[in-house]
PDB file of N, CA and C in Angstrom:
ATOM      1  N   MET A   1     104.591 108.956 119.733  1.00  0.00           N
ATOM      2  CA  MET A   1     103.521 107.991 119.868  1.00  0.00           C
ATOM      3  C   MET A   1     102.774 107.839 118.543  1.00  0.00           C
ATOM      4  N   LYS A   2     102.625 108.961 117.842  1.00  0.00           N
ATOM      5  CA  LYS A   2     101.922 108.932 116.570  1.00  0.00           C
ATOM      6  C   LYS A   2     102.660 108.030 115.574  1.00  0.00           C
ATOM      7  N   HIS A   3     103.992 108.085 115.580  1.00  0.00           N
ATOM      8  CA  HIS A   3     104.789 107.273 114.659  1.00  0.00           C
ATOM      9  C   HIS A   3     104.658 105.785 114.988  1.00  0.00           C
ATOM     10  N   LEU A   4     104.629 105.474 116.267  1.00  0.00           N
ATOM     11  CA  LEU A   4     104.491 104.082 116.696  1.00  0.00           C
ATOM     12  C   LEU A   4     103.138 103.523 116.265  1.00  0.00           C
ATOM     13  N   THR A   5     102.107 104.303 116.433  1.00  0.00           N
ATOM     14  CA  THR A   5     100.773 103.877 116.017  1.00  0.00           C
ATOM     15  C   THR A   5     100.705 103.688 114.509  1.00  0.00           C
ATOM     16  N   LEU A   6     101.310 104.594 113.785  1.00  0.00           N
ATOM     17  CA  LEU A   6     101.336 104.494 112.334  1.00  0.00           C
ATOM     18  C   LEU A   6     102.118 103.261 111.876  1.00  0.00           C
ATOM     19  N   ALA A   7     103.244 102.990 112.519  1.00  0.00           N
ATOM     20  CA  ALA A   7     104.051 101.812 112.175  1.00  0.00           C
ATOM     21  C   ALA A   7     103.289 100.525 112.482  1.00  0.00           C
ATOM     22  N   ALA A   8     102.600 100.492 113.599  1.00  0.00           N
ATOM     23  CA  ALA A   8     101.815  99.309 113.960  1.00  0.00           C
ATOM     24  C   ALA A   8     100.682  99.082 112.962  1.00  0.00           C
ATOM     25  N   ALA A   9     100.035 100.150 112.555  1.00  0.00           N
ATOM     26  CA  ALA A   9      98.955 100.032 111.572  1.00  0.00           C
ATOM     27  C   ALA A   9      99.490  99.539 110.238  1.00  0.00           C
ATOM     28  N   PHE A  10     100.647 100.020 109.840  1.00  0.00           N
ATOM     29  CA  PHE A  10     101.249  99.580 108.584  1.00  0.00           C
ATOM     30  C   PHE A  10     101.531  98.086 108.624  1.00  0.00           C
ATOM     31  N   CYS A  11     102.114  97.610 109.713  1.00  0.00           N
ATOM     32  CA  CYS A  11     102.424  96.177 109.855  1.00  0.00           C
ATOM     33  C   CYS A  11     101.152  95.341 109.825  1.00  0.00           C
ATOM     34  N   LEU A  12     100.121  95.828 110.474  1.00  0.00           N
ATOM     35  CA  LEU A  12      98.857  95.100 110.521  1.00  0.00           C
ATOM     36  C   LEU A  12      98.249  94.949 109.130  1.00  0.00           C
ATOM     37  N   PHE A  13      98.316  96.005 108.341  1.00  0.00           N
ATOM     38  CA  PHE A  13      97.705  95.961 107.022  1.00  0.00           C
ATOM     39  C   PHE A  13      98.630  95.394 105.952  1.00  0.00           C
ATOM     40  N   ALA A  14      99.919  95.341 106.205  1.00  0.00           N
ATOM     41  CA  ALA A  14     100.863  94.802 105.222  1.00  0.00           C
ATOM     42  C   ALA A  14     100.855  93.280 105.215  1.00  0.00           C
ATOM     43  N   ALA A  15     100.593  92.641 106.328  1.00  0.00           N
ATOM     44  CA  ALA A  15     100.628  91.182 106.411  1.00  0.00           C
ATOM     45  C   ALA A  15      99.689  90.504 105.410  1.00  0.00           C
ATOM     46  N   PRO A  16      98.448  90.944 105.259  1.00  0.00           N
ATOM     47  CA  PRO A  16      97.585  90.295 104.269  1.00  0.00           C
ATOM     48  C   PRO A  16      98.076  90.475 102.834  1.00  0.00           C
ATOM     49  N   ALA A  17      98.836  91.503 102.581  1.00  0.00           N
ATOM     50  CA  ALA A  17      99.345  91.711 101.219  1.00  0.00           C
ATOM     51  C   ALA A  17     100.269  90.580 100.812  1.00  0.00           C
ATOM     52  N   PHE A  18     101.070  90.075 101.755  1.00  0.00           N
ATOM     53  CA  PHE A  18     101.951  88.956 101.440  1.00  0.00           C
ATOM     54  C   PHE A  18     101.148  87.694 101.150  1.00  0.00           C
ATOM     55  N   ALA A  19     100.004  87.548 101.776  1.00  0.00           N
ATOM     56  CA  ALA A  19      99.166  86.373 101.559  1.00  0.00           C
ATOM     57  C   ALA A  19      98.646  86.337 100.133  1.00  0.00           C
ATOM     58  N   HIS A  20      98.466  87.496  99.527  1.00  0.00           N
ATOM     59  CA  HIS A  20      97.932  87.549  98.171  1.00  0.00           C
ATOM     60  C   HIS A  20      98.998  87.334  97.112  1.00  0.00           C
ATOM     61  N   GLN A  21     100.268  87.334  97.488  1.00  0.00           N
ATOM     62  CA  GLN A  21     101.342  87.079  96.531  1.00  0.00           C
ATOM     63  C   GLN A  21     101.388  85.598  96.159  1.00  0.00           C
ATOM     64  N   CYS A  22     101.023  84.737  97.079  1.00  0.00           N
ATOM     65  CA  CYS A  22     101.112  83.294  96.854  1.00  0.00           C
ATOM     66  C   CYS A  22     100.288  82.848  95.640  1.00  0.00           C
ATOM     67  N   PRO A  23      99.001  83.212  95.552  1.00  0.00           N
ATOM     68  CA  PRO A  23      98.224  82.781  94.391  1.00  0.00           C
ATOM     69  C   PRO A  23      98.784  83.323  93.070  1.00  0.00           C
ATOM     70  N   THR A  24      99.347  84.520  93.099  1.00  0.00           N
ATOM     71  CA  THR A  24      99.950  85.089  91.898  1.00  0.00           C
ATOM     72  C   THR A  24     101.168  84.275  91.483  1.00  0.00           C
ATOM     73  N   ASP A  25     101.990  83.902  92.464  1.00  0.00           N
ATOM     74  CA  ASP A  25     103.165  83.078  92.176  1.00  0.00           C
ATOM     75  C   ASP A  25     102.755  81.706  91.644  1.00  0.00           C
ATOM     76  N   ILE A  26     101.743  81.093  92.258  1.00  0.00           N
ATOM     77  CA  ILE A  26     101.261  79.781  91.817  1.00  0.00           C
ATOM     78  C   ILE A  26     100.759  79.859  90.384  1.00  0.00           C
ATOM     79  N   ALA A  27     100.018  80.906  90.062  1.00  0.00           N
ATOM     80  CA  ALA A  27      99.500  81.067  88.698  1.00  0.00           C
ATOM     81  C   ALA A  27     100.641  81.247  87.700  1.00  0.00           C
ATOM     82  N   ALA A  28     101.670  81.996  88.076  1.00  0.00           N
ATOM     83  CA  ALA A  28     102.819  82.200  87.185  1.00  0.00           C
ATOM     84  C   ALA A  28     103.553  80.883  86.945  1.00  0.00           C
ATOM     85  N   ILE A  29     103.697  80.087  87.987  1.00  0.00           N
ATOM     86  CA  ILE A  29     104.353  78.785  87.856  1.00  0.00           C
ATOM     87  C   ILE A  29     103.529  77.871  86.959  1.00  0.00           C
ATOM     88  N   ASP A  30     102.216  77.835  87.192  1.00  0.00           N
ATOM     89  CA  ASP A  30     101.335  77.005  86.367  1.00  0.00           C
ATOM     90  C   ASP A  30     101.406  77.403  84.897  1.00  0.00           C
ATOM     91  N   ALA A  31     101.420  78.700  84.630  1.00  0.00           N
ATOM     92  CA  ALA A  31     101.494  79.176  83.250  1.00  0.00           C
ATOM     93  C   ALA A  31     102.817  78.781  82.599  1.00  0.00           C
ATOM     94  N   ALA A  32     103.897  78.903  83.352  1.00  0.00           N
ATOM     95  CA  ALA A  32     105.213  78.539  82.816  1.00  0.00           C
ATOM     96  C   ALA A  32     105.287  77.036  82.545  1.00  0.00           C
ATOM     97  N   LEU A  33     104.719  76.227  83.431  1.00  0.00           N
ATOM     98  CA  LEU A  33     104.705  74.786  83.207  1.00  0.00           C
ATOM     99  C   LEU A  33     103.857  74.420  81.993  1.00  0.00           C
ATOM    100  N   ALA A  34     102.737  75.100  81.827  1.00  0.00           N
ATOM    101  CA  ALA A  34     101.853  74.833  80.688  1.00  0.00           C
ATOM    102  C   ALA A  34     102.513  75.207  79.361  1.00  0.00           C
ATOM    103  N   ALA A  35     103.414  76.182  79.416  1.00  0.00           N
ATOM    104  CA  ALA A  35     104.099  76.630  78.200  1.00  0.00           C
ATOM    105  C   ALA A  35     105.195  75.657  77.769  1.00  0.00           C
ATOM    106  N   GLY A  36     105.481  74.659  78.604  1.00  0.00           N
ATOM    107  CA  GLY A  36     106.498  73.674  78.249  1.00  0.00           C
ATOM    108  C   GLY A  36     107.905  74.218  78.374  1.00  0.00           C
ATOM    109  N   PRO A  37     108.357  74.432  79.604  1.00  0.00           N
ATOM    110  CA  PRO A  37     109.689  75.003  79.800  1.00  0.00           C
ATOM    111  C   PRO A  37     110.789  74.052  79.315  1.00  0.00           C
ATOM    112  N   ASP A  38     111.923  74.626  78.991  1.00  0.00           N
ATOM    113  CA  ASP A  38     113.072  73.854  78.528  1.00  0.00           C
ATOM    114  C   ASP A  38     113.856  73.358  79.742  1.00  0.00           C
ATOM    115  N   LEU A  39     113.260  72.397  80.455  1.00  0.00           N
ATOM    116  CA  LEU A  39     113.857  71.825  81.652  1.00  0.00           C
ATOM    117  C   LEU A  39     113.840  70.304  81.526  1.00  0.00           C
ATOM    118  N   SER A  40     114.709  69.672  82.270  1.00  0.00           N
ATOM    119  CA  SER A  40     114.706  68.213  82.294  1.00  0.00           C
ATOM    120  C   SER A  40     113.460  67.735  83.041  1.00  0.00           C
ATOM    121  N   GLU A  41     113.137  66.465  82.878  1.00  0.00           N
ATOM    122  CA  GLU A  41     111.990  65.890  83.575  1.00  0.00           C
ATOM    123  C   GLU A  41     112.181  65.977  85.089  1.00  0.00           C
ATOM    124  N   GLU A  42     113.410  65.805  85.540  1.00  0.00           N
ATOM    125  CA  GLU A  42     113.725  65.908  86.970  1.00  0.00           C
ATOM    126  C   GLU A  42     113.484  67.337  87.471  1.00  0.00           C
ATOM    127  N   GLN A  43     113.881  68.321  86.688  1.00  0.00           N
ATOM    128  CA  GLN A  43     113.677  69.718  87.083  1.00  0.00           C
ATOM    129  C   GLN A  43     112.195  70.065  87.110  1.00  0.00           C
ATOM    130  N   ILE A  44     111.442  69.568  86.136  1.00  0.00           N
ATOM    131  CA  ILE A  44     109.999  69.824  86.114  1.00  0.00           C
ATOM    132  C   ILE A  44     109.344  69.201  87.340  1.00  0.00           C
ATOM    133  N   THR A  45     109.757  67.992  87.693  1.00  0.00           N
ATOM    134  CA  THR A  45     109.229  67.338  88.888  1.00  0.00           C
ATOM    135  C   THR A  45     109.537  68.158  90.133  1.00  0.00           C
ATOM    136  N   GLN A  46     110.750  68.716  90.204  1.00  0.00           N
ATOM    137  CA  GLN A  46     111.121  69.542  91.355  1.00  0.00           C
ATOM    138  C   GLN A  46     110.269  70.804  91.414  1.00  0.00           C
ATOM    139  N   VAL A  47     110.049  71.443  90.270  1.00  0.00           N
ATOM    140  CA  VAL A  47     109.202  72.643  90.221  1.00  0.00           C
ATOM    141  C   VAL A  47     107.789  72.302  90.692  1.00  0.00           C
ATOM    142  N   GLU A  48     107.256  71.192  90.211  1.00  0.00           N
ATOM    143  CA  GLU A  48     105.902  70.790  90.607  1.00  0.00           C
ATOM    144  C   GLU A  48     105.832  70.503  92.108  1.00  0.00           C
ATOM    145  N   THR A  49     106.879  69.891  92.647  1.00  0.00           N
ATOM    146  CA  THR A  49     106.926  69.619  94.084  1.00  0.00           C
ATOM    147  C   THR A  49     106.918  70.914  94.876  1.00  0.00           C
ATOM    148  N   TRP A  50     107.786  71.855  94.487  1.00  0.00           N
ATOM    149  CA  TRP A  50     107.824  73.147  95.175  1.00  0.00           C
ATOM    150  C   TRP A  50     106.506  73.890  95.025  1.00  0.00           C
ATOM    151  N   ARG A  51     105.898  73.812  93.856  1.00  0.00           N
ATOM    152  CA  ARG A  51     104.620  74.484  93.621  1.00  0.00           C
ATOM    153  C   ARG A  51     103.552  73.927  94.567  1.00  0.00           C
ATOM    154  N   ASP A  52     103.490  72.592  94.666  1.00  0.00           N
ATOM    155  CA  ASP A  52     102.496  71.960  95.530  1.00  0.00           C
ATOM    156  C   ASP A  52     102.766  72.249  97.008  1.00  0.00           C
ATOM    157  N   GLU A  53     104.038  72.231  97.400  1.00  0.00           N
ATOM    158  CA  GLU A  53     104.393  72.565  98.783  1.00  0.00           C
ATOM    159  C   GLU A  53     104.027  74.015  99.096  1.00  0.00           C
ATOM    160  N   GLY A  54     104.313  74.910  98.160  1.00  0.00           N
ATOM    161  CA  GLY A  54     103.981  76.321  98.352  1.00  0.00           C
ATOM    162  C   GLY A  54     102.487  76.538  98.491  1.00  0.00           C
ATOM    163  N   ALA A  55     101.704  75.837  97.673  1.00  0.00           N
ATOM    164  CA  ALA A  55     100.247  75.953  97.752  1.00  0.00           C
ATOM    165  C   ALA A  55      99.739  75.425  99.093  1.00  0.00           C
ATOM    166  N   ALA A  56     100.306  74.304  99.556  1.00  0.00           N
ATOM    167  CA  ALA A  56      99.891  73.740 100.842  1.00  0.00           C
ATOM    168  C   ALA A  56     100.247  74.684 101.993  1.00  0.00           C
ATOM    169  N   LEU A  57     101.431  75.271 101.933  1.00  0.00           N
ATOM    170  CA  LEU A  57     101.830  76.224 102.966  1.00  0.00           C
ATOM    171  C   LEU A  57     100.912  77.446 102.961  1.00  0.00           C
ATOM    172  N   HIS A  58     100.549  77.917 101.776  1.00  0.00           N
ATOM    173  CA  HIS A  58      99.625  79.044 101.660  1.00  0.00           C
ATOM    174  C   HIS A  58      98.288  78.693 102.302  1.00  0.00           C
ATOM    175  N   ASP A  59      97.773  77.505 101.968  1.00  0.00           N
ATOM    176  CA  ASP A  59      96.483  77.079 102.512  1.00  0.00           C
ATOM    177  C   ASP A  59      96.532  76.939 104.033  1.00  0.00           C
ATOM    178  N   ALA A  60      97.719  76.587 104.556  1.00  0.00           N
ATOM    179  CA  ALA A  60      97.886  76.438 106.001  1.00  0.00           C
ATOM    180  C   ALA A  60      98.111  77.780 106.696  1.00  0.00           C
ATOM    181  N   GLY A  61      98.274  78.848 105.916  1.00  0.00           N
ATOM    182  CA  GLY A  61      98.459  80.176 106.500  1.00  0.00           C
ATOM    183  C   GLY A  61      99.907  80.568 106.727  1.00  0.00           C
ATOM    184  N   ASP A  62     100.855  79.747 106.282  1.00  0.00           N
ATOM    185  CA  ASP A  62     102.280  80.050 106.448  1.00  0.00           C
ATOM    186  C   ASP A  62     102.782  80.734 105.179  1.00  0.00           C
ATOM    187  N   HIS A  63     102.441  81.994 105.033  1.00  0.00           N
ATOM    188  CA  HIS A  63     102.693  82.707 103.779  1.00  0.00           C
ATOM    189  C   HIS A  63     104.169  83.013 103.539  1.00  0.00           C
ATOM    190  N   ASP A  64     104.923  83.245 104.602  1.00  0.00           N
ATOM    191  CA  ASP A  64     106.355  83.495 104.417  1.00  0.00           C
ATOM    192  C   ASP A  64     107.043  82.269 103.834  1.00  0.00           C
ATOM    193  N   ALA A  65     106.746  81.100 104.391  1.00  0.00           N
ATOM    194  CA  ALA A  65     107.336  79.858 103.877  1.00  0.00           C
ATOM    195  C   ALA A  65     106.822  79.558 102.479  1.00  0.00           C
ATOM    196  N   SER A  66     105.559  79.868 102.224  1.00  0.00           N
ATOM    197  CA  SER A  66     104.984  79.649 100.901  1.00  0.00           C
ATOM    198  C   SER A  66     105.698  80.485  99.852  1.00  0.00           C
ATOM    199  N   VAL A  67     105.884  81.753 100.135  1.00  0.00           N
ATOM    200  CA  VAL A  67     106.559  82.652  99.191  1.00  0.00           C
ATOM    201  C   VAL A  67     107.990  82.170  98.938  1.00  0.00           C
ATOM    202  N   ALA A  68     108.675  81.740  99.991  1.00  0.00           N
ATOM    203  CA  ALA A  68     110.056  81.263  99.841  1.00  0.00           C
ATOM    204  C   ALA A  68     110.114  79.992  98.996  1.00  0.00           C
ATOM    205  N   THR A  69     109.191  79.073  99.218  1.00  0.00           N
ATOM    206  CA  THR A  69     109.165  77.822  98.464  1.00  0.00           C
ATOM    207  C   THR A  69     108.811  78.080  97.003  1.00  0.00           C
ATOM    208  N   LEU A  70     107.820  78.926  96.785  1.00  0.00           N
ATOM    209  CA  LEU A  70     107.420  79.248  95.414  1.00  0.00           C
ATOM    210  C   LEU A  70     108.533  80.005  94.682  1.00  0.00           C
ATOM    211  N   ALA A  71     109.318  80.772  95.408  1.00  0.00           N
ATOM    212  CA  ALA A  71     110.435  81.502  94.789  1.00  0.00           C
ATOM    213  C   ALA A  71     111.473  80.534  94.224  1.00  0.00           C
ATOM    214  N   GLN A  72     111.658  79.399  94.890  1.00  0.00           N
ATOM    215  CA  GLN A  72     112.595  78.397  94.366  1.00  0.00           C
ATOM    216  C   GLN A  72     112.099  77.856  93.029  1.00  0.00           C
ATOM    217  N   ALA A  73     110.811  77.578  92.955  1.00  0.00           N
ATOM    218  CA  ALA A  73     110.224  77.079  91.706  1.00  0.00           C
ATOM    219  C   ALA A  73     110.340  78.129  90.608  1.00  0.00           C
ATOM    220  N   LYS A  74     110.038  79.378  90.952  1.00  0.00           N
ATOM    221  CA  LYS A  74     110.122  80.452  89.964  1.00  0.00           C
ATOM    222  C   LYS A  74     111.551  80.640  89.470  1.00  0.00           C
ATOM    223  N   GLU A  75     112.517  80.516  90.363  1.00  0.00           N
ATOM    224  CA  GLU A  75     113.920  80.688  89.969  1.00  0.00           C
ATOM    225  C   GLU A  75     114.338  79.598  88.980  1.00  0.00           C
ATOM    226  N   LEU A  76     113.956  78.354  89.247  1.00  0.00           N
ATOM    227  CA  LEU A  76     114.301  77.271  88.345  1.00  0.00           C
ATOM    228  C   LEU A  76     113.645  77.454  86.980  1.00  0.00           C
ATOM    229  N   LEU A  77     112.463  78.058  86.984  1.00  0.00           N
ATOM    230  CA  LEU A  77     111.751  78.328  85.728  1.00  0.00           C
ATOM    231  C   LEU A  77     112.264  79.596  85.035  1.00  0.00           C
ATOM    232  N   GLY A  78     113.110  80.346  85.714  1.00  0.00           N
ATOM    233  CA  GLY A  78     113.620  81.584  85.146  1.00  0.00           C
ATOM    234  C   GLY A  78     112.646  82.743  85.241  1.00  0.00           C
ATOM    235  N   LEU A  79     111.760  82.694  86.210  1.00  0.00           N
ATOM    236  CA  LEU A  79     110.741  83.737  86.367  1.00  0.00           C
ATOM    237  C   LEU A  79     111.161  84.853  87.311  1.00  0.00           C
ATOM    238  N   ASN A  80     112.262  84.696  88.014  1.00  0.00           N
ATOM    239  CA  ASN A  80     112.709  85.735  88.961  1.00  0.00           C
ATOM    240  C   ASN A  80     113.578  86.749  88.281  1.00  0.00           C
TER     241      ASN A  80
END
């Protein structure tokens, strides 16, 4: 029973940690875009789209989808 309680507490406190990854990812994407990445205009537009979608998902509370969307932008920028 002690292990179950401990596991439940871990899950409860781990969920907000994922929510805080989104702003860090958004800031990294913004910094990479500001640095002028060596990407085509189409690729930059795609990164900006994913960045904006990720931010909207974060604001809506869908942090798993936000992290996944932002990961696509980071991968195209070479940040992963």
